[in-house]
Amino acid sequence: MSFVLFHFTIVVLLASVLTSATCLSAYLVSHKRLMLFAFLGFLFYFFDVAWVFQDAFAFAGGDVALGNSYLLVRSLASVVAGGGFLVSFWLLIGDYLGETRRVLLIAPGVVFAAGSIGMLVLLPESDLQRFLFYSMRGALLLWMLLYLAYRYVAAKDEVEKNRLKKHRAIYVLLWVLGAAMVAEDAYSFLFSEAAQETNILSYFAERNYVENVLMLCCMFYAFRAAFRSLALRFDRPPKQSDKLKETIAGGSLMMYGKRHQLSEREQEVLELVLLGKDNQNIASSMHLAPGTVKVHVHNILQKTAQPNRQTLIQDFWKTS
């Protein structure tokens, strides 16, 4: 069994590194913050899993005296690594949905860290303490899934609903594996005979193998998206107009306009701005007076909080 678990851990580590590197490459090409958050998330998870080797090394000599102090440091490291990859994915979701409320983006990570540390400091050492400590991961995952469900139900625009609906397979899978992850914690800490034994290694996050499977599924999903983005630009480097048409077809221009409360006419003007046309060309294309176009462009810049056209274009491609 140890042989199998060792190689399973190697697979998880390699998958974490490969996916993280691919997402970073996709970010450098596209400058989409989604890929940056995915890169950070899988990088944090690499360290979360890699420390299992540190655990094995630390206790290889059977030094029991190392137990309590090492356990505290290792548990805090687990808070940092676990919070790191989960908060990164929460920020990814927020960026995808256009969530800009800073309190909402920051609060889940703060609650996770405070709750996890509180379990360590305030509760006496017990099987229940360990279960509650690791259940904070499941709680943060549950928050993300419930928030996605809320946004889907509350969405009145069909474009936004369709954007969310196309990810329903991974969404359902995360519900199933998330529930199984909490169930494994409950069995390991509360019901298993092994939970009654004093075993320092039972504290470590790597012992939850359903969590590993869940993350492998996320890695596959993220790697596929990043690889497609890189392959598209390798096979046919898009011109600005082609890239814009591709993005408009996906509803990104409409979503960007809705996010910043642009009128339908302002979205039409924005489309031509993104194509690099000046006010005179836009006026000719839309059969408007140049002064009217100038007002529309000014209103777009104000609503998007961008100082000029260049930063407006950059902001669109980063968030689309």
C-alpha atoms as a PDB file:
ATOM      1  CA  MET A   1       0.000   0.000   0.000  1.00  0.00           C
ATOM      2  CA  SER A   2       2.851   2.411   0.806  1.00  0.00           C
ATOM      3  CA  PHE A   3       4.281   1.796  -2.670  1.00  0.00           C
ATOM      4  CA  VAL A   4       0.956   2.740  -4.290  1.00  0.00           C
ATOM      5  CA  LEU A   5       0.453   5.833  -2.128  1.00  0.00           C
ATOM      6  CA  PHE A   6       3.993   7.017  -2.812  1.00  0.00           C
ATOM      7  CA  HIS A   7       3.502   6.907  -6.574  1.00  0.00           C
ATOM      8  CA  PHE A   8       0.017   8.371  -6.327  1.00  0.00           C
ATOM      9  CA  THR A   9       1.560  11.337  -4.503  1.00  0.00           C
ATOM     10  CA  ILE A  10       4.184  11.666  -7.238  1.00  0.00           C
ATOM     11  CA  VAL A  11       1.404  11.797  -9.853  1.00  0.00           C
ATOM     12  CA  VAL A  12      -0.411  14.531  -7.920  1.00  0.00           C
ATOM     13  CA  LEU A  13       2.808  16.553  -7.596  1.00  0.00           C
ATOM     14  CA  LEU A  14       3.669  16.239 -11.276  1.00  0.00           C
ATOM     15  CA  ALA A  15       0.129  17.146 -12.318  1.00  0.00           C
ATOM     16  CA  SER A  16       0.219  20.206 -10.031  1.00  0.00           C
ATOM     17  CA  VAL A  17       3.492  21.454 -11.506  1.00  0.00           C
ATOM     18  CA  LEU A  18       2.475  20.790 -15.102  1.00  0.00           C
ATOM     19  CA  THR A  19      -0.909  22.460 -14.746  1.00  0.00           C
ATOM     20  CA  SER A  20       0.529  25.416 -12.868  1.00  0.00           C
ATOM     21  CA  ALA A  21       3.207  25.986 -15.525  1.00  0.00           C
ATOM     22  CA  THR A  22       0.686  25.682 -18.368  1.00  0.00           C
ATOM     23  CA  CYS A  23      -1.664  28.179 -16.728  1.00  0.00           C
ATOM     24  CA  LEU A  24       1.232  30.598 -16.232  1.00  0.00           C
ATOM     25  CA  SER A  25       2.142  30.271 -19.909  1.00  0.00           C
ATOM     26  CA  ALA A  26      -1.466  30.944 -20.904  1.00  0.00           C
ATOM     27  CA  TYR A  27      -1.520  34.007 -18.656  1.00  0.00           C
ATOM     28  CA  LEU A  28       1.669  35.410 -20.206  1.00  0.00           C
ATOM     29  CA  VAL A  29       0.080  35.030 -23.651  1.00  0.00           C
ATOM     30  CA  SER A  30      -3.457  36.203 -22.917  1.00  0.00           C
ATOM     31  CA  HIS A  31      -2.985  38.345 -19.762  1.00  0.00           C
ATOM     32  CA  LYS A  32      -6.226  36.920 -18.396  1.00  0.00           C
ATOM     33  CA  ARG A  33      -6.336  37.032 -14.616  1.00  0.00           C
ATOM     34  CA  LEU A  34      -8.241  33.749 -14.616  1.00  0.00           C
ATOM     35  CA  MET A  35      -5.080  31.954 -15.673  1.00  0.00           C
ATOM     36  CA  LEU A  36      -2.976  33.845 -13.134  1.00  0.00           C
ATOM     37  CA  PHE A  37      -5.249  32.761 -10.280  1.00  0.00           C
ATOM     38  CA  ALA A  38      -5.236  29.172 -11.583  1.00  0.00           C
ATOM     39  CA  PHE A  39      -1.421  29.235 -11.681  1.00  0.00           C
ATOM     40  CA  LEU A  40      -1.247  30.424  -8.061  1.00  0.00           C
ATOM     41  CA  GLY A  41      -3.857  27.926  -6.912  1.00  0.00           C
ATOM     42  CA  PHE A  42      -2.113  24.868  -8.307  1.00  0.00           C
ATOM     43  CA  LEU A  43       1.271  26.158  -7.141  1.00  0.00           C
ATOM     44  CA  PHE A  44      -0.041  26.399  -3.569  1.00  0.00           C
ATOM     45  CA  TYR A  45      -1.473  22.915  -3.888  1.00  0.00           C
ATOM     46  CA  PHE A  46       1.913  21.581  -5.010  1.00  0.00           C
ATOM     47  CA  PHE A  47       3.417  22.720  -1.704  1.00  0.00           C
ATOM     48  CA  ASP A  48       0.405  21.427   0.205  1.00  0.00           C
ATOM     49  CA  VAL A  49       1.072  17.944  -1.156  1.00  0.00           C
ATOM     50  CA  ALA A  50       4.876  18.164  -1.240  1.00  0.00           C
ATOM     51  CA  TRP A  51       5.105  18.584   2.504  1.00  0.00           C
ATOM     52  CA  VAL A  52       4.047  14.967   2.931  1.00  0.00           C
ATOM     53  CA  PHE A  53       7.650  14.068   2.083  1.00  0.00           C
ATOM     54  CA  GLN A  54       8.850  16.501   4.712  1.00  0.00           C
ATOM     55  CA  ASP A  55       6.590  14.749   7.214  1.00  0.00           C
ATOM     56  CA  ALA A  56       8.006  11.351   6.353  1.00  0.00           C
ATOM     57  CA  PHE A  57      11.570  12.681   6.644  1.00  0.00           C
ATOM     58  CA  ALA A  58      10.907  14.458   9.958  1.00  0.00           C
ATOM     59  CA  PHE A  59       9.595  11.315  11.634  1.00  0.00           C
ATOM     60  CA  ALA A  60      11.812   8.794   9.884  1.00  0.00           C
ATOM     61  CA  GLY A  61      13.981   8.542  12.984  1.00  0.00           C
ATOM     62  CA  GLY A  62      11.020   8.042  15.290  1.00  0.00           C
ATOM     63  CA  ASP A  63      11.726  11.237  17.223  1.00  0.00           C
ATOM     64  CA  VAL A  64       8.539  11.528  19.301  1.00  0.00           C
ATOM     65  CA  ALA A  65       9.824  14.653  21.094  1.00  0.00           C
ATOM     66  CA  LEU A  66       9.501  16.513  17.821  1.00  0.00           C
ATOM     67  CA  GLY A  67       5.757  15.848  17.768  1.00  0.00           C
ATOM     68  CA  ASN A  68       3.968  18.777  19.423  1.00  0.00           C
ATOM     69  CA  SER A  69       6.104  21.648  18.136  1.00  0.00           C
ATOM     70  CA  TYR A  70       6.311  20.186  14.670  1.00  0.00           C
ATOM     71  CA  LEU A  71       2.568  19.581  14.620  1.00  0.00           C
ATOM     72  CA  LEU A  72       1.807  23.230  15.346  1.00  0.00           C
ATOM     73  CA  VAL A  73       4.150  24.539  12.636  1.00  0.00           C
ATOM     74  CA  ARG A  74       2.916  21.941  10.174  1.00  0.00           C
ATOM     75  CA  SER A  75      -0.720  22.762  10.898  1.00  0.00           C
ATOM     76  CA  LEU A  76      -0.084  26.481  10.331  1.00  0.00           C
ATOM     77  CA  ALA A  77       1.673  25.640   7.080  1.00  0.00           C
ATOM     78  CA  SER A  78      -1.404  23.643   6.102  1.00  0.00           C
ATOM     79  CA  VAL A  79      -3.549  26.733   6.741  1.00  0.00           C
ATOM     80  CA  VAL A  80      -1.312  28.791   4.436  1.00  0.00           C
ATOM     81  CA  ALA A  81      -1.154  26.194   1.657  1.00  0.00           C
ATOM     82  CA  GLY A  82      -4.798  25.128   1.908  1.00  0.00           C
ATOM     83  CA  GLY A  83      -6.012  28.693   2.137  1.00  0.00           C
ATOM     84  CA  GLY A  84      -3.675  29.665  -0.698  1.00  0.00           C
ATOM     85  CA  PHE A  85      -5.085  27.310  -3.280  1.00  0.00           C
ATOM     86  CA  LEU A  86      -8.721  27.672  -2.180  1.00  0.00           C
ATOM     87  CA  VAL A  87      -8.634  31.482  -2.018  1.00  0.00           C
ATOM     88  CA  SER A  88      -6.919  31.572  -5.420  1.00  0.00           C
ATOM     89  CA  PHE A  89      -9.802  29.582  -6.885  1.00  0.00           C
ATOM     90  CA  TRP A  90     -12.317  31.843  -5.141  1.00  0.00           C
ATOM     91  CA  LEU A  91     -10.644  34.888  -6.734  1.00  0.00           C
ATOM     92  CA  LEU A  92     -10.752  33.057 -10.065  1.00  0.00           C
ATOM     93  CA  ILE A  93     -14.507  32.591  -9.682  1.00  0.00           C
ATOM     94  CA  GLY A  94     -14.925  36.224  -8.679  1.00  0.00           C
ATOM     95  CA  ASP A  95     -12.970  37.404 -11.711  1.00  0.00           C
ATOM     96  CA  TYR A  96     -14.959  35.146 -14.044  1.00  0.00           C
ATOM     97  CA  LEU A  97     -18.236  36.515 -12.703  1.00  0.00           C
ATOM     98  CA  GLY A  98     -17.056  40.117 -12.660  1.00  0.00           C
ATOM     99  CA  GLU A  99     -17.334  40.411  -8.878  1.00  0.00           C
ATOM    100  CA  THR A 100     -15.675  43.678  -7.798  1.00  0.00           C
ATOM    101  CA  ARG A 101     -16.751  44.001  -4.136  1.00  0.00           C
ATOM    102  CA  ARG A 102     -13.479  43.776  -2.234  1.00  0.00           C
ATOM    103  CA  VAL A 103     -15.093  42.771   1.038  1.00  0.00           C
ATOM    104  CA  LEU A 104     -16.776  39.806  -0.612  1.00  0.00           C
ATOM    105  CA  LEU A 105     -13.543  38.765  -2.333  1.00  0.00           C
ATOM    106  CA  ILE A 106     -11.399  39.036   0.811  1.00  0.00           C
ATOM    107  CA  ALA A 107     -13.796  37.870   3.531  1.00  0.00           C
ATOM    108  CA  PRO A 108     -13.863  34.099   2.720  1.00  0.00           C
ATOM    109  CA  GLY A 109     -10.076  33.838   2.973  1.00  0.00           C
ATOM    110  CA  VAL A 110     -10.012  35.752   6.259  1.00  0.00           C
ATOM    111  CA  VAL A 111     -12.787  33.579   7.713  1.00  0.00           C
ATOM    112  CA  PHE A 112     -10.955  30.428   6.589  1.00  0.00           C
ATOM    113  CA  ALA A 113      -7.669  31.464   8.200  1.00  0.00           C
ATOM    114  CA  ALA A 114      -9.298  32.715  11.413  1.00  0.00           C
ATOM    115  CA  GLY A 115     -11.489  29.631  11.692  1.00  0.00           C
ATOM    116  CA  SER A 116      -8.624  27.206  11.079  1.00  0.00           C
ATOM    117  CA  ILE A 117      -6.307  28.888  13.584  1.00  0.00           C
ATOM    118  CA  GLY A 118      -9.170  29.146  16.056  1.00  0.00           C
ATOM    119  CA  MET A 119      -9.691  25.383  15.878  1.00  0.00           C
ATOM    120  CA  LEU A 120      -6.024  24.851  16.729  1.00  0.00           C
ATOM    121  CA  VAL A 121      -5.812  27.380  19.546  1.00  0.00           C
ATOM    122  CA  LEU A 122      -9.218  27.307  21.214  1.00  0.00           C
ATOM    123  CA  LEU A 123     -10.198  23.648  21.059  1.00  0.00           C
ATOM    124  CA  PRO A 124      -8.479  20.896  23.057  1.00  0.00           C
ATOM    125  CA  GLU A 125      -6.531  18.340  21.071  1.00  0.00           C
ATOM    126  CA  SER A 126      -8.953  15.619  20.024  1.00  0.00           C
ATOM    127  CA  ASP A 127     -10.340  13.759  17.028  1.00  0.00           C
ATOM    128  CA  LEU A 128     -13.157  16.304  16.827  1.00  0.00           C
ATOM    129  CA  GLN A 129     -10.638  19.154  16.725  1.00  0.00           C
ATOM    130  CA  ARG A 130      -8.827  17.559  13.805  1.00  0.00           C
ATOM    131  CA  PHE A 131     -12.083  16.961  11.957  1.00  0.00           C
ATOM    132  CA  LEU A 132     -13.219  20.569  12.408  1.00  0.00           C
ATOM    133  CA  PHE A 133      -9.778  21.875  11.441  1.00  0.00           C
ATOM    134  CA  TYR A 134      -9.789  20.110   8.070  1.00  0.00           C
ATOM    135  CA  SER A 135     -13.508  20.704   7.552  1.00  0.00           C
ATOM    136  CA  MET A 136     -12.687  24.390   7.039  1.00  0.00           C
ATOM    137  CA  ARG A 137     -11.503  23.409   3.557  1.00  0.00           C
ATOM    138  CA  GLY A 138     -14.824  21.789   2.810  1.00  0.00           C
ATOM    139  CA  ALA A 139     -16.620  24.843   4.208  1.00  0.00           C
ATOM    140  CA  LEU A 140     -14.767  27.210   1.859  1.00  0.00           C
ATOM    141  CA  LEU A 141     -15.450  24.913  -1.092  1.00  0.00           C
ATOM    142  CA  LEU A 142     -19.130  24.820  -0.100  1.00  0.00           C
ATOM    143  CA  TRP A 143     -19.219  28.627  -0.035  1.00  0.00           C
ATOM    144  CA  MET A 144     -17.842  28.808  -3.579  1.00  0.00           C
ATOM    145  CA  LEU A 145     -20.342  26.276  -4.906  1.00  0.00           C
ATOM    146  CA  LEU A 146     -23.281  27.989  -3.207  1.00  0.00           C
ATOM    147  CA  TYR A 147     -22.185  31.376  -4.517  1.00  0.00           C
ATOM    148  CA  LEU A 148     -22.041  29.995  -8.055  1.00  0.00           C
ATOM    149  CA  ALA A 149     -25.524  28.547  -7.622  1.00  0.00           C
ATOM    150  CA  TYR A 150     -26.798  31.911  -6.344  1.00  0.00           C
ATOM    151  CA  ARG A 151     -25.309  33.791  -9.286  1.00  0.00           C
ATOM    152  CA  TYR A 152     -26.860  31.355 -11.740  1.00  0.00           C
ATOM    153  CA  VAL A 153     -30.318  31.587 -10.164  1.00  0.00           C
ATOM    154  CA  ALA A 154     -30.114  35.384  -9.813  1.00  0.00           C
ATOM    155  CA  ALA A 155     -28.857  35.937 -13.367  1.00  0.00           C
ATOM    156  CA  LYS A 156     -31.515  37.547 -15.531  1.00  0.00           C
ATOM    157  CA  ASP A 157     -29.388  37.683 -18.653  1.00  0.00           C
ATOM    158  CA  GLU A 158     -29.348  34.552 -20.814  1.00  0.00           C
ATOM    159  CA  VAL A 159     -25.755  35.168 -21.873  1.00  0.00           C
ATOM    160  CA  GLU A 160     -24.544  34.986 -18.284  1.00  0.00           C
ATOM    161  CA  LYS A 161     -26.669  31.899 -17.600  1.00  0.00           C
ATOM    162  CA  ASN A 162     -25.216  30.156 -20.651  1.00  0.00           C
ATOM    163  CA  ARG A 163     -21.654  31.029 -19.575  1.00  0.00           C
ATOM    164  CA  LEU A 164     -22.277  29.316 -16.247  1.00  0.00           C
ATOM    165  CA  LYS A 165     -24.280  26.435 -17.683  1.00  0.00           C
ATOM    166  CA  LYS A 166     -21.457  25.265 -19.940  1.00  0.00           C
ATOM    167  CA  HIS A 167     -19.425  24.408 -16.808  1.00  0.00           C
ATOM    168  CA  ARG A 168     -22.183  22.338 -15.196  1.00  0.00           C
ATOM    169  CA  ALA A 169     -20.273  19.039 -15.516  1.00  0.00           C
ATOM    170  CA  ILE A 170     -17.336  20.155 -13.374  1.00  0.00           C
ATOM    171  CA  TYR A 171     -19.770  21.930 -11.024  1.00  0.00           C
ATOM    172  CA  VAL A 172     -21.722  18.736 -10.300  1.00  0.00           C
ATOM    173  CA  LEU A 173     -18.481  16.799  -9.951  1.00  0.00           C
ATOM    174  CA  LEU A 174     -17.195  19.272  -7.366  1.00  0.00           C
ATOM    175  CA  TRP A 175     -20.368  18.839  -5.312  1.00  0.00           C
ATOM    176  CA  VAL A 176     -19.987  15.061  -5.334  1.00  0.00           C
ATOM    177  CA  LEU A 177     -16.268  15.022  -4.537  1.00  0.00           C
ATOM    178  CA  GLY A 178     -16.596  17.837  -1.991  1.00  0.00           C
ATOM    179  CA  ALA A 179     -19.182  15.849  -0.058  1.00  0.00           C
ATOM    180  CA  ALA A 180     -16.998  12.744  -0.293  1.00  0.00           C
ATOM    181  CA  MET A 181     -14.013  14.759   0.967  1.00  0.00           C
ATOM    182  CA  VAL A 182     -15.863  15.788   4.132  1.00  0.00           C
ATOM    183  CA  ALA A 183     -17.136  12.227   4.561  1.00  0.00           C
ATOM    184  CA  GLU A 184     -13.570  10.899   4.382  1.00  0.00           C
ATOM    185  CA  ASP A 185     -12.531  13.374   7.074  1.00  0.00           C
ATOM    186  CA  ALA A 186     -15.413  12.277   9.268  1.00  0.00           C
ATOM    187  CA  TYR A 187     -14.537   8.602   8.825  1.00  0.00           C
ATOM    188  CA  SER A 188     -10.806   9.123   9.356  1.00  0.00           C
ATOM    189  CA  PHE A 189     -11.090  11.254  12.473  1.00  0.00           C
ATOM    190  CA  LEU A 190     -14.362  10.277  14.116  1.00  0.00           C
ATOM    191  CA  PHE A 191     -15.288   6.714  13.187  1.00  0.00           C
ATOM    192  CA  SER A 192     -12.171   4.872  12.058  1.00  0.00           C
ATOM    193  CA  GLU A 193     -10.271   2.833  14.619  1.00  0.00           C
ATOM    194  CA  ALA A 194      -7.131   4.554  13.369  1.00  0.00           C
ATOM    195  CA  ALA A 195      -8.561   7.842  14.642  1.00  0.00           C
ATOM    196  CA  GLN A 196      -8.276   6.561  18.205  1.00  0.00           C
ATOM    197  CA  GLU A 197      -4.534   6.104  17.827  1.00  0.00           C
ATOM    198  CA  THR A 198      -2.028   8.856  18.421  1.00  0.00           C
ATOM    199  CA  ASN A 199      -0.616   9.320  14.962  1.00  0.00           C
ATOM    200  CA  ILE A 200       0.962  12.675  14.119  1.00  0.00           C
ATOM    201  CA  LEU A 201       0.694  12.019  10.395  1.00  0.00           C
ATOM    202  CA  SER A 202      -3.081  11.814  10.556  1.00  0.00           C
ATOM    203  CA  TYR A 203      -3.135  15.600  10.867  1.00  0.00           C
ATOM    204  CA  PHE A 204      -1.700  16.201   7.462  1.00  0.00           C
ATOM    205  CA  ALA A 205      -3.834  17.202   4.487  1.00  0.00           C
ATOM    206  CA  GLU A 206      -2.341  14.573   2.201  1.00  0.00           C
ATOM    207  CA  ARG A 207      -4.258  11.866   4.048  1.00  0.00           C
ATOM    208  CA  ASN A 208      -7.482  13.019   2.321  1.00  0.00           C
ATOM    209  CA  TYR A 209      -7.268  11.196  -0.986  1.00  0.00           C
ATOM    210  CA  VAL A 210     -10.666  12.352  -2.213  1.00  0.00           C
ATOM    211  CA  GLU A 211      -9.293  15.900  -2.054  1.00  0.00           C
ATOM    212  CA  ASN A 212      -6.426  14.753  -4.269  1.00  0.00           C
ATOM    213  CA  VAL A 213      -8.872  13.288  -6.783  1.00  0.00           C
ATOM    214  CA  LEU A 214     -10.946  16.478  -6.702  1.00  0.00           C
ATOM    215  CA  MET A 215      -7.867  18.550  -7.440  1.00  0.00           C
ATOM    216  CA  LEU A 216      -6.776  16.213 -10.230  1.00  0.00           C
ATOM    217  CA  CYS A 217     -10.153  16.796 -11.887  1.00  0.00           C
ATOM    218  CA  CYS A 218      -9.678  20.566 -11.544  1.00  0.00           C
ATOM    219  CA  MET A 219      -6.156  20.240 -12.974  1.00  0.00           C
ATOM    220  CA  PHE A 220      -7.466  18.385 -16.007  1.00  0.00           C
ATOM    221  CA  TYR A 221     -10.133  21.032 -16.578  1.00  0.00           C
ATOM    222  CA  ALA A 222      -7.692  23.956 -16.164  1.00  0.00           C
ATOM    223  CA  PHE A 223      -4.934  22.307 -18.204  1.00  0.00           C
ATOM    224  CA  ARG A 224      -7.343  21.692 -21.087  1.00  0.00           C
ATOM    225  CA  ALA A 225      -8.488  25.326 -21.087  1.00  0.00           C
ATOM    226  CA  ALA A 226      -4.930  26.673 -20.893  1.00  0.00           C
ATOM    227  CA  PHE A 227      -3.660  24.263 -23.548  1.00  0.00           C
ATOM    228  CA  ARG A 228      -6.442  25.240 -25.950  1.00  0.00           C
ATOM    229  CA  SER A 229      -5.613  28.899 -25.445  1.00  0.00           C
ATOM    230  CA  LEU A 230      -1.941  28.272 -26.210  1.00  0.00           C
ATOM    231  CA  ALA A 231      -2.668  25.952 -29.155  1.00  0.00           C
ATOM    232  CA  LEU A 232      -5.009  28.492 -30.741  1.00  0.00           C
ATOM    233  CA  ARG A 233      -2.323  31.146 -30.751  1.00  0.00           C
ATOM    234  CA  PHE A 234       0.325  28.743 -31.999  1.00  0.00           C
ATOM    235  CA  ASP A 235      -1.685  27.376 -34.926  1.00  0.00           C
ATOM    236  CA  ARG A 236      -3.181  30.683 -35.982  1.00  0.00           C
ATOM    237  CA  PRO A 237      -1.923  33.802 -34.222  1.00  0.00           C
ATOM    238  CA  PRO A 238      -5.071  35.940 -34.221  1.00  0.00           C
ATOM    239  CA  LYS A 239      -5.249  39.376 -35.707  1.00  0.00           C
ATOM    240  CA  GLN A 240      -6.928  41.969 -33.541  1.00  0.00           C
ATOM    241  CA  SER A 241     -10.125  41.880 -35.618  1.00  0.00           C
ATOM    242  CA  ASP A 242     -10.265  38.067 -35.610  1.00  0.00           C
ATOM    243  CA  LYS A 243      -9.635  37.962 -31.898  1.00  0.00           C
ATOM    244  CA  LEU A 244     -12.384  40.496 -31.284  1.00  0.00           C
ATOM    245  CA  LYS A 245     -14.909  38.604 -33.403  1.00  0.00           C
ATOM    246  CA  GLU A 246     -14.075  35.412 -31.520  1.00  0.00           C
ATOM    247  CA  THR A 247     -14.584  37.171 -28.195  1.00  0.00           C
ATOM    248  CA  ILE A 248     -17.823  38.839 -29.269  1.00  0.00           C
ATOM    249  CA  ALA A 249     -19.166  35.467 -30.414  1.00  0.00           C
ATOM    250  CA  GLY A 250     -18.557  34.156 -26.899  1.00  0.00           C
ATOM    251  CA  GLY A 251     -20.606  36.990 -25.407  1.00  0.00           C
ATOM    252  CA  SER A 252     -17.646  38.656 -23.699  1.00  0.00           C
ATOM    253  CA  LEU A 253     -18.365  42.106 -25.122  1.00  0.00           C
ATOM    254  CA  MET A 254     -21.950  41.918 -23.901  1.00  0.00           C
ATOM    255  CA  MET A 255     -20.838  40.734 -20.468  1.00  0.00           C
ATOM    256  CA  TYR A 256     -18.220  43.502 -20.241  1.00  0.00           C
ATOM    257  CA  GLY A 257     -20.844  46.054 -21.186  1.00  0.00           C
ATOM    258  CA  LYS A 258     -23.293  44.718 -18.619  1.00  0.00           C
ATOM    259  CA  ARG A 259     -20.618  44.659 -15.930  1.00  0.00           C
ATOM    260  CA  HIS A 260     -19.931  48.370 -16.444  1.00  0.00           C
ATOM    261  CA  GLN A 261     -23.540  49.310 -17.219  1.00  0.00           C
ATOM    262  CA  LEU A 262     -22.843  50.393 -20.781  1.00  0.00           C
ATOM    263  CA  SER A 263     -25.807  51.182 -22.994  1.00  0.00           C
ATOM    264  CA  GLU A 264     -26.389  49.237 -26.186  1.00  0.00           C
ATOM    265  CA  ARG A 265     -25.081  52.169 -28.248  1.00  0.00           C
ATOM    266  CA  GLU A 266     -21.988  52.446 -26.048  1.00  0.00           C
ATOM    267  CA  GLN A 267     -21.294  48.745 -26.580  1.00  0.00           C
ATOM    268  CA  GLU A 268     -21.442  49.289 -30.328  1.00  0.00           C
ATOM    269  CA  VAL A 269     -18.962  52.145 -30.002  1.00  0.00           C
ATOM    270  CA  LEU A 270     -16.736  50.029 -27.741  1.00  0.00           C
ATOM    271  CA  GLU A 271     -16.623  47.285 -30.355  1.00  0.00           C
ATOM    272  CA  LEU A 272     -15.190  49.707 -32.903  1.00  0.00           C
ATOM    273  CA  VAL A 273     -12.789  51.195 -30.349  1.00  0.00           C
ATOM    274  CA  LEU A 274     -11.441  47.702 -29.737  1.00  0.00           C
ATOM    275  CA  LEU A 275     -10.874  47.348 -33.469  1.00  0.00           C
ATOM    276  CA  GLY A 276      -8.591  50.391 -33.273  1.00  0.00           C
ATOM    277  CA  LYS A 277     -10.831  52.871 -35.079  1.00  0.00           C
ATOM    278  CA  ASP A 278     -10.667  56.562 -34.209  1.00  0.00           C
ATOM    279  CA  ASN A 279     -13.673  58.781 -33.580  1.00  0.00           C
ATOM    280  CA  GLN A 280     -13.947  59.888 -37.199  1.00  0.00           C
ATOM    281  CA  ASN A 281     -14.012  56.316 -38.518  1.00  0.00           C
ATOM    282  CA  ILE A 282     -16.477  55.299 -35.834  1.00  0.00           C
ATOM    283  CA  ALA A 283     -18.724  58.229 -36.780  1.00  0.00           C
ATOM    284  CA  SER A 284     -18.628  57.179 -40.429  1.00  0.00           C
ATOM    285  CA  SER A 285     -19.316  53.513 -39.640  1.00  0.00           C
ATOM    286  CA  MET A 286     -22.256  54.286 -37.360  1.00  0.00           C
ATOM    287  CA  HIS A 287     -23.535  57.327 -39.282  1.00  0.00           C
ATOM    288  CA  LEU A 288     -23.155  59.568 -36.258  1.00  0.00           C
ATOM    289  CA  ALA A 289     -21.705  63.019 -35.722  1.00  0.00           C
ATOM    290  CA  PRO A 290     -18.075  63.001 -34.494  1.00  0.00           C
ATOM    291  CA  GLY A 291     -19.166  64.982 -31.440  1.00  0.00           C
ATOM    292  CA  THR A 292     -21.709  62.292 -30.527  1.00  0.00           C
ATOM    293  CA  VAL A 293     -19.054  59.596 -30.793  1.00  0.00           C
ATOM    294  CA  LYS A 294     -16.732  61.650 -28.606  1.00  0.00           C
ATOM    295  CA  VAL A 295     -19.436  61.816 -25.917  1.00  0.00           C
ATOM    296  CA  HIS A 296     -20.008  58.051 -26.116  1.00  0.00           C
ATOM    297  CA  VAL A 297     -16.283  57.339 -25.775  1.00  0.00           C
ATOM    298  CA  HIS A 298     -16.051  59.719 -22.816  1.00  0.00           C
ATOM    299  CA  ASN A 299     -18.968  57.975 -21.104  1.00  0.00           C
ATOM    300  CA  ILE A 300     -17.399  54.543 -21.716  1.00  0.00           C
ATOM    301  CA  LEU A 301     -14.110  55.642 -20.168  1.00  0.00           C
ATOM    302  CA  GLN A 302     -15.921  57.067 -17.145  1.00  0.00           C
ATOM    303  CA  LYS A 303     -18.055  53.967 -16.554  1.00  0.00           C
ATOM    304  CA  THR A 304     -15.071  51.611 -16.886  1.00  0.00           C
ATOM    305  CA  ALA A 305     -12.813  53.907 -14.803  1.00  0.00           C
ATOM    306  CA  GLN A 306     -10.136  53.915 -17.495  1.00  0.00           C
ATOM    307  CA  PRO A 307      -8.047  57.029 -18.280  1.00  0.00           C
ATOM    308  CA  ASN A 308      -7.671  56.439 -22.033  1.00  0.00           C
ATOM    309  CA  ARG A 309      -8.396  54.110 -24.944  1.00  0.00           C
ATOM    310  CA  GLN A 310      -5.217  52.111 -24.506  1.00  0.00           C
ATOM    311  CA  THR A 311      -5.965  51.124 -20.927  1.00  0.00           C
ATOM    312  CA  LEU A 312      -9.610  50.485 -21.886  1.00  0.00           C
ATOM    313  CA  ILE A 313      -8.527  47.970 -24.517  1.00  0.00           C
ATOM    314  CA  GLN A 314      -6.099  46.322 -22.091  1.00  0.00           C
ATOM    315  CA  ASP A 315      -8.776  46.083 -19.400  1.00  0.00           C
ATOM    316  CA  PHE A 316     -11.224  44.475 -21.825  1.00  0.00           C
ATOM    317  CA  TRP A 317      -8.805  41.732 -22.896  1.00  0.00           C
ATOM    318  CA  LYS A 318      -7.720  41.056 -19.326  1.00  0.00           C
ATOM    319  CA  THR A 319     -11.258  40.573 -18.066  1.00  0.00           C
ATOM    320  CA  SER A 320     -13.000  39.109 -21.130  1.00  0.00           C
END
